[in-house]
């Protein structure tokens, strides 16, 4: 193909459309990963309004692989119910750090899924290493396009698969109880 023919082919409406779709798909994939990063940011900064903003009105939560979860088996909850379930735990912890990486996004129009690897470090008493607990694994999330979300996407499903754990998991119910006391005051 000569230069002039290639130029005409690349500037044809069909190629411009294809390039636009690739750009849109890339933007969507970035915004979907950003939604899941906001999951970590909302929890770690205890910004529960931000955390709530990334969930659809109905969400399927499956933390069944994490023994000690407030949702021991898959359940459909409202976004508000989910946030209210996790709020006492994270309020009772001194600090958390959720690290997310390697997003693998699949787009299907206005729906998407994403697998995101994670490590979640939980600290009850910072000066005591025996009050730290870390898990590692991945999230399989489902999302829908939604203009009310800060990223244009909201979570409709969150499934946690825990692959490993390290530290003292007994801090979690203690932190949850402490968080309930803090929130009652």
C-alpha atoms as a PDB file:
ATOM      1  CA  UNK A   1       0.000   0.000   0.000  1.00  0.00           C
ATOM      2  CA  UNK A   2       1.454   3.345  -1.021  1.00  0.00           C
ATOM      3  CA  UNK A   3       1.714   6.198   1.433  1.00  0.00           C
ATOM      4  CA  UNK A   4      -1.236   8.062  -0.033  1.00  0.00           C
ATOM      5  CA  UNK A   5      -3.456   4.951   0.115  1.00  0.00           C
ATOM      6  CA  UNK A   6      -2.424   4.304   3.735  1.00  0.00           C
ATOM      7  CA  UNK A   7      -3.189   7.912   4.636  1.00  0.00           C
ATOM      8  CA  UNK A   8      -6.648   7.652   3.065  1.00  0.00           C
ATOM      9  CA  UNK A   9      -7.267   4.317   4.801  1.00  0.00           C
ATOM     10  CA  UNK A  10      -6.190   5.591   8.245  1.00  0.00           C
ATOM     11  CA  UNK A  11      -8.228   8.766   7.894  1.00  0.00           C
ATOM     12  CA  UNK A  12     -11.345   6.996   6.651  1.00  0.00           C
ATOM     13  CA  UNK A  13     -14.500   7.285   8.784  1.00  0.00           C
ATOM     14  CA  UNK A  14     -14.236   3.563   9.587  1.00  0.00           C
ATOM     15  CA  UNK A  15     -10.721   3.899  11.033  1.00  0.00           C
ATOM     16  CA  UNK A  16     -11.582   7.082  12.912  1.00  0.00           C
ATOM     17  CA  UNK A  17     -14.525   5.208  14.447  1.00  0.00           C
ATOM     18  CA  UNK A  18     -12.283   2.266  15.401  1.00  0.00           C
ATOM     19  CA  UNK A  19      -9.681   4.583  16.922  1.00  0.00           C
ATOM     20  CA  UNK A  20     -12.406   6.414  18.845  1.00  0.00           C
ATOM     21  CA  UNK A  21     -13.773   3.125  20.202  1.00  0.00           C
ATOM     22  CA  UNK A  22     -10.295   2.075  21.332  1.00  0.00           C
ATOM     23  CA  UNK A  23      -9.845   5.434  23.041  1.00  0.00           C
ATOM     24  CA  UNK A  24     -13.256   5.131  24.717  1.00  0.00           C
ATOM     25  CA  UNK A  25     -12.474   1.591  25.829  1.00  0.00           C
ATOM     26  CA  UNK A  26      -9.133   2.716  27.274  1.00  0.00           C
ATOM     27  CA  UNK A  27     -10.771   5.632  29.097  1.00  0.00           C
ATOM     28  CA  UNK A  28     -13.447   3.301  30.492  1.00  0.00           C
ATOM     29  CA  UNK A  29     -10.846   0.799  31.664  1.00  0.00           C
ATOM     30  CA  UNK A  30      -8.935   3.549  33.441  1.00  0.00           C
ATOM     31  CA  UNK A  31     -12.105   4.860  35.096  1.00  0.00           C
ATOM     32  CA  UNK A  32     -13.132   1.351  36.181  1.00  0.00           C
ATOM     33  CA  UNK A  33      -9.741   0.814  37.828  1.00  0.00           C
ATOM     34  CA  UNK A  34     -10.068   4.285  39.364  1.00  0.00           C
ATOM     35  CA  UNK A  35     -13.436   3.259  40.854  1.00  0.00           C
ATOM     36  CA  UNK A  36     -11.776   0.351  42.618  1.00  0.00           C
ATOM     37  CA  UNK A  37      -8.893   2.548  43.760  1.00  0.00           C
ATOM     38  CA  UNK A  38     -11.532   4.839  45.320  1.00  0.00           C
ATOM     39  CA  UNK A  39     -12.804   1.768  47.193  1.00  0.00           C
ATOM     40  CA  UNK A  40      -9.400   1.604  48.883  1.00  0.00           C
ATOM     41  CA  UNK A  41      -9.137   5.371  49.355  1.00  0.00           C
ATOM     42  CA  UNK A  42     -12.599   5.645  50.913  1.00  0.00           C
ATOM     43  CA  UNK A  43     -11.888   2.878  53.421  1.00  0.00           C
ATOM     44  CA  UNK A  44      -8.329   3.926  54.258  1.00  0.00           C
ATOM     45  CA  UNK A  45      -9.215   7.595  54.787  1.00  0.00           C
ATOM     46  CA  UNK A  46     -12.508   6.713  56.505  1.00  0.00           C
ATOM     47  CA  UNK A  47     -14.309   8.900  53.965  1.00  0.00           C
ATOM     48  CA  UNK A  48     -17.522   6.908  53.987  1.00  0.00           C
ATOM     49  CA  UNK A  49     -19.335   9.386  51.720  1.00  0.00           C
ATOM     50  CA  UNK A  50     -16.679   8.811  49.060  1.00  0.00           C
ATOM     51  CA  UNK A  51     -16.864   5.065  49.695  1.00  0.00           C
ATOM     52  CA  UNK A  52     -20.660   5.087  49.305  1.00  0.00           C
ATOM     53  CA  UNK A  53     -20.439   7.107  46.073  1.00  0.00           C
ATOM     54  CA  UNK A  54     -18.908   4.181  44.163  1.00  0.00           C
ATOM     55  CA  UNK A  55     -21.654   1.646  44.968  1.00  0.00           C
ATOM     56  CA  UNK A  56     -24.892   1.117  43.057  1.00  0.00           C
ATOM     57  CA  UNK A  57     -28.135   1.113  45.036  1.00  0.00           C
ATOM     58  CA  UNK A  58     -28.059  -2.711  45.060  1.00  0.00           C
ATOM     59  CA  UNK A  59     -24.784  -4.587  45.399  1.00  0.00           C
ATOM     60  CA  UNK A  60     -23.902  -8.260  45.705  1.00  0.00           C
ATOM     61  CA  UNK A  61     -21.199  -8.780  48.309  1.00  0.00           C
ATOM     62  CA  UNK A  62     -19.308 -12.060  48.585  1.00  0.00           C
ATOM     63  CA  UNK A  63     -16.648 -12.133  51.273  1.00  0.00           C
ATOM     64  CA  UNK A  64     -17.242 -15.818  52.001  1.00  0.00           C
ATOM     65  CA  UNK A  65     -13.553 -16.669  51.509  1.00  0.00           C
ATOM     66  CA  UNK A  66     -12.664 -14.315  54.375  1.00  0.00           C
ATOM     67  CA  UNK A  67     -13.418 -15.980  57.668  1.00  0.00           C
ATOM     68  CA  UNK A  68     -14.566 -13.313  60.116  1.00  0.00           C
ATOM     69  CA  UNK A  69     -16.411 -11.153  57.583  1.00  0.00           C
ATOM     70  CA  UNK A  70     -19.607  -9.330  58.502  1.00  0.00           C
ATOM     71  CA  UNK A  71     -21.002 -10.935  55.320  1.00  0.00           C
ATOM     72  CA  UNK A  72     -20.136 -14.634  55.782  1.00  0.00           C
ATOM     73  CA  UNK A  73     -21.964 -15.720  52.621  1.00  0.00           C
ATOM     74  CA  UNK A  74     -22.921 -13.940  49.388  1.00  0.00           C
ATOM     75  CA  UNK A  75     -25.667 -11.412  49.984  1.00  0.00           C
ATOM     76  CA  UNK A  76     -27.529  -8.659  48.142  1.00  0.00           C
ATOM     77  CA  UNK A  77     -27.432  -5.415  50.089  1.00  0.00           C
ATOM     78  CA  UNK A  78     -28.213  -1.801  49.414  1.00  0.00           C
ATOM     79  CA  UNK A  79     -25.168   0.410  49.068  1.00  0.00           C
ATOM     80  CA  UNK A  80     -26.116   2.070  52.373  1.00  0.00           C
ATOM     81  CA  UNK A  81     -26.402  -1.289  54.151  1.00  0.00           C
ATOM     82  CA  UNK A  82     -22.960  -2.329  52.941  1.00  0.00           C
ATOM     83  CA  UNK A  83     -21.305   0.921  54.022  1.00  0.00           C
ATOM     84  CA  UNK A  84     -23.028   0.705  57.420  1.00  0.00           C
ATOM     85  CA  UNK A  85     -21.712  -2.850  57.855  1.00  0.00           C
ATOM     86  CA  UNK A  86     -18.075  -1.930  57.274  1.00  0.00           C
ATOM     87  CA  UNK A  87     -18.101   1.458  58.987  1.00  0.00           C
ATOM     88  CA  UNK A  88     -17.720   0.174  62.591  1.00  0.00           C
ATOM     89  CA  UNK A  89     -14.749  -2.056  61.715  1.00  0.00           C
ATOM     90  CA  UNK A  90     -12.779   0.628  59.912  1.00  0.00           C
ATOM     91  CA  UNK A  91     -13.723   3.303  62.456  1.00  0.00           C
ATOM     92  CA  UNK A  92     -12.322   1.039  65.188  1.00  0.00           C
ATOM     93  CA  UNK A  93      -9.001   0.432  63.454  1.00  0.00           C
ATOM     94  CA  UNK A  94      -6.195   2.954  63.906  1.00  0.00           C
ATOM     95  CA  UNK A  95      -5.162   2.595  60.266  1.00  0.00           C
ATOM     96  CA  UNK A  96      -5.594   0.508  57.157  1.00  0.00           C
ATOM     97  CA  UNK A  97      -3.829   0.378  53.835  1.00  0.00           C
ATOM     98  CA  UNK A  98      -5.484  -1.332  50.896  1.00  0.00           C
ATOM     99  CA  UNK A  99      -3.088  -1.705  47.983  1.00  0.00           C
ATOM    100  CA  UNK A 100      -4.656  -2.583  44.631  1.00  0.00           C
ATOM    101  CA  UNK A 101      -2.816  -3.654  41.503  1.00  0.00           C
ATOM    102  CA  UNK A 102      -2.987  -5.395  38.125  1.00  0.00           C
ATOM    103  CA  UNK A 103      -6.527  -4.481  37.044  1.00  0.00           C
ATOM    104  CA  UNK A 104      -7.874  -6.760  34.326  1.00  0.00           C
ATOM    105  CA  UNK A 105     -10.999  -5.109  32.918  1.00  0.00           C
ATOM    106  CA  UNK A 106     -13.590  -6.627  30.595  1.00  0.00           C
ATOM    107  CA  UNK A 107     -16.052  -4.208  29.015  1.00  0.00           C
ATOM    108  CA  UNK A 108     -19.513  -5.106  27.758  1.00  0.00           C
ATOM    109  CA  UNK A 109     -21.253  -1.878  26.754  1.00  0.00           C
ATOM    110  CA  UNK A 110     -22.469  -0.193  29.945  1.00  0.00           C
ATOM    111  CA  UNK A 111     -21.377  -3.129  32.127  1.00  0.00           C
ATOM    112  CA  UNK A 112     -17.932  -4.298  33.108  1.00  0.00           C
ATOM    113  CA  UNK A 113     -16.022  -6.699  35.277  1.00  0.00           C
ATOM    114  CA  UNK A 114     -12.603  -6.271  36.828  1.00  0.00           C
ATOM    115  CA  UNK A 115     -10.193  -8.527  38.664  1.00  0.00           C
ATOM    116  CA  UNK A 116      -7.903  -6.505  40.907  1.00  0.00           C
ATOM    117  CA  UNK A 117      -5.173  -7.982  43.097  1.00  0.00           C
ATOM    118  CA  UNK A 118      -5.023  -6.612  46.621  1.00  0.00           C
ATOM    119  CA  UNK A 119      -3.321  -6.552  49.983  1.00  0.00           C
ATOM    120  CA  UNK A 120      -5.147  -5.118  52.956  1.00  0.00           C
ATOM    121  CA  UNK A 121      -3.144  -4.201  56.048  1.00  0.00           C
ATOM    122  CA  UNK A 122      -5.167  -3.560  59.226  1.00  0.00           C
ATOM    123  CA  UNK A 123      -3.673  -1.919  62.333  1.00  0.00           C
ATOM    124  CA  UNK A 124      -5.452  -1.790  65.693  1.00  0.00           C
ATOM    125  CA  UNK A 125      -2.635  -0.460  67.891  1.00  0.00           C
ATOM    126  CA  UNK A 126       0.180   0.981  65.739  1.00  0.00           C
ATOM    127  CA  UNK A 127       2.913   0.508  68.330  1.00  0.00           C
ATOM    128  CA  UNK A 128       2.117  -3.203  68.794  1.00  0.00           C
ATOM    129  CA  UNK A 129       2.956  -5.438  65.838  1.00  0.00           C
ATOM    130  CA  UNK A 130       0.876  -8.213  67.392  1.00  0.00           C
ATOM    131  CA  UNK A 131      -2.186  -6.050  66.700  1.00  0.00           C
ATOM    132  CA  UNK A 132      -1.628  -5.984  62.932  1.00  0.00           C
ATOM    133  CA  UNK A 133      -3.407  -8.202  60.415  1.00  0.00           C
ATOM    134  CA  UNK A 134      -2.845  -8.427  56.654  1.00  0.00           C
ATOM    135  CA  UNK A 135      -4.643 -10.365  53.951  1.00  0.00           C
ATOM    136  CA  UNK A 136      -3.780 -10.810  50.300  1.00  0.00           C
ATOM    137  CA  UNK A 137      -5.837 -11.968  47.366  1.00  0.00           C
ATOM    138  CA  UNK A 138      -7.996 -10.410  44.710  1.00  0.00           C
ATOM    139  CA  UNK A 139     -11.357  -8.799  44.090  1.00  0.00           C
ATOM    140  CA  UNK A 140     -13.655  -9.831  41.255  1.00  0.00           C
ATOM    141  CA  UNK A 141     -15.936  -6.835  40.784  1.00  0.00           C
ATOM    142  CA  UNK A 142     -18.867  -6.039  38.516  1.00  0.00           C
ATOM    143  CA  UNK A 143     -19.753  -2.493  37.565  1.00  0.00           C
ATOM    144  CA  UNK A 144     -22.283  -0.468  35.600  1.00  0.00           C
ATOM    145  CA  UNK A 145     -21.929   2.888  33.932  1.00  0.00           C
ATOM    146  CA  UNK A 146     -23.474   5.575  36.161  1.00  0.00           C
ATOM    147  CA  UNK A 147     -23.165   9.326  35.760  1.00  0.00           C
ATOM    148  CA  UNK A 148     -23.578   9.945  39.497  1.00  0.00           C
ATOM    149  CA  UNK A 149     -20.313   8.193  40.362  1.00  0.00           C
ATOM    150  CA  UNK A 150     -17.129  10.269  40.543  1.00  0.00           C
ATOM    151  CA  UNK A 151     -15.648   8.006  37.851  1.00  0.00           C
ATOM    152  CA  UNK A 152     -18.757   7.316  35.772  1.00  0.00           C
ATOM    153  CA  UNK A 153     -18.919   3.701  37.057  1.00  0.00           C
ATOM    154  CA  UNK A 154     -20.487   2.098  40.135  1.00  0.00           C
ATOM    155  CA  UNK A 155     -19.865  -1.262  41.735  1.00  0.00           C
ATOM    156  CA  UNK A 156     -22.741  -3.756  41.568  1.00  0.00           C
ATOM    157  CA  UNK A 157     -20.791  -6.728  42.879  1.00  0.00           C
ATOM    158  CA  UNK A 158     -17.707  -7.261  45.008  1.00  0.00           C
ATOM    159  CA  UNK A 159     -16.249 -10.727  45.532  1.00  0.00           C
ATOM    160  CA  UNK A 160     -13.152 -11.098  47.694  1.00  0.00           C
ATOM    161  CA  UNK A 161     -10.942 -14.149  47.340  1.00  0.00           C
ATOM    162  CA  UNK A 162      -8.399 -14.406  50.144  1.00  0.00           C
ATOM    163  CA  UNK A 163      -5.235 -16.278  49.144  1.00  0.00           C
ATOM    164  CA  UNK A 164      -3.172 -15.666  52.270  1.00  0.00           C
ATOM    165  CA  UNK A 165      -3.266 -14.044  55.683  1.00  0.00           C
ATOM    166  CA  UNK A 166      -0.597 -12.919  58.117  1.00  0.00           C
ATOM    167  CA  UNK A 167      -0.769 -11.575  61.632  1.00  0.00           C
ATOM    168  CA  UNK A 168      -3.407 -11.481  64.313  1.00  0.00           C
ATOM    169  CA  UNK A 169      -6.929 -11.696  62.876  1.00  0.00           C
ATOM    170  CA  UNK A 170      -8.439 -11.504  66.381  1.00  0.00           C
ATOM    171  CA  UNK A 171      -8.028  -7.707  66.177  1.00  0.00           C
ATOM    172  CA  UNK A 172     -10.900  -7.514  63.685  1.00  0.00           C
ATOM    173  CA  UNK A 173     -13.839  -8.244  66.045  1.00  0.00           C
ATOM    174  CA  UNK A 174     -12.175  -6.119  68.754  1.00  0.00           C
ATOM    175  CA  UNK A 175     -11.868  -3.218  66.279  1.00  0.00           C
ATOM    176  CA  UNK A 176     -15.482  -3.686  65.162  1.00  0.00           C
ATOM    177  CA  UNK A 177     -16.662  -3.441  68.790  1.00  0.00           C
ATOM    178  CA  UNK A 178     -14.492  -0.371  69.384  1.00  0.00           C
ATOM    179  CA  UNK A 179     -15.897   1.215  66.232  1.00  0.00           C
ATOM    180  CA  UNK A 180     -19.488   0.622  67.385  1.00  0.00           C
ATOM    181  CA  UNK A 181     -18.654   2.404  70.665  1.00  0.00           C
ATOM    182  CA  UNK A 182     -17.054   5.331  68.823  1.00  0.00           C
ATOM    183  CA  UNK A 183     -19.992   5.687  66.436  1.00  0.00           C
ATOM    184  CA  UNK A 184     -22.525   5.595  69.296  1.00  0.00           C
ATOM    185  CA  UNK A 185     -20.912   8.653  70.910  1.00  0.00           C
END
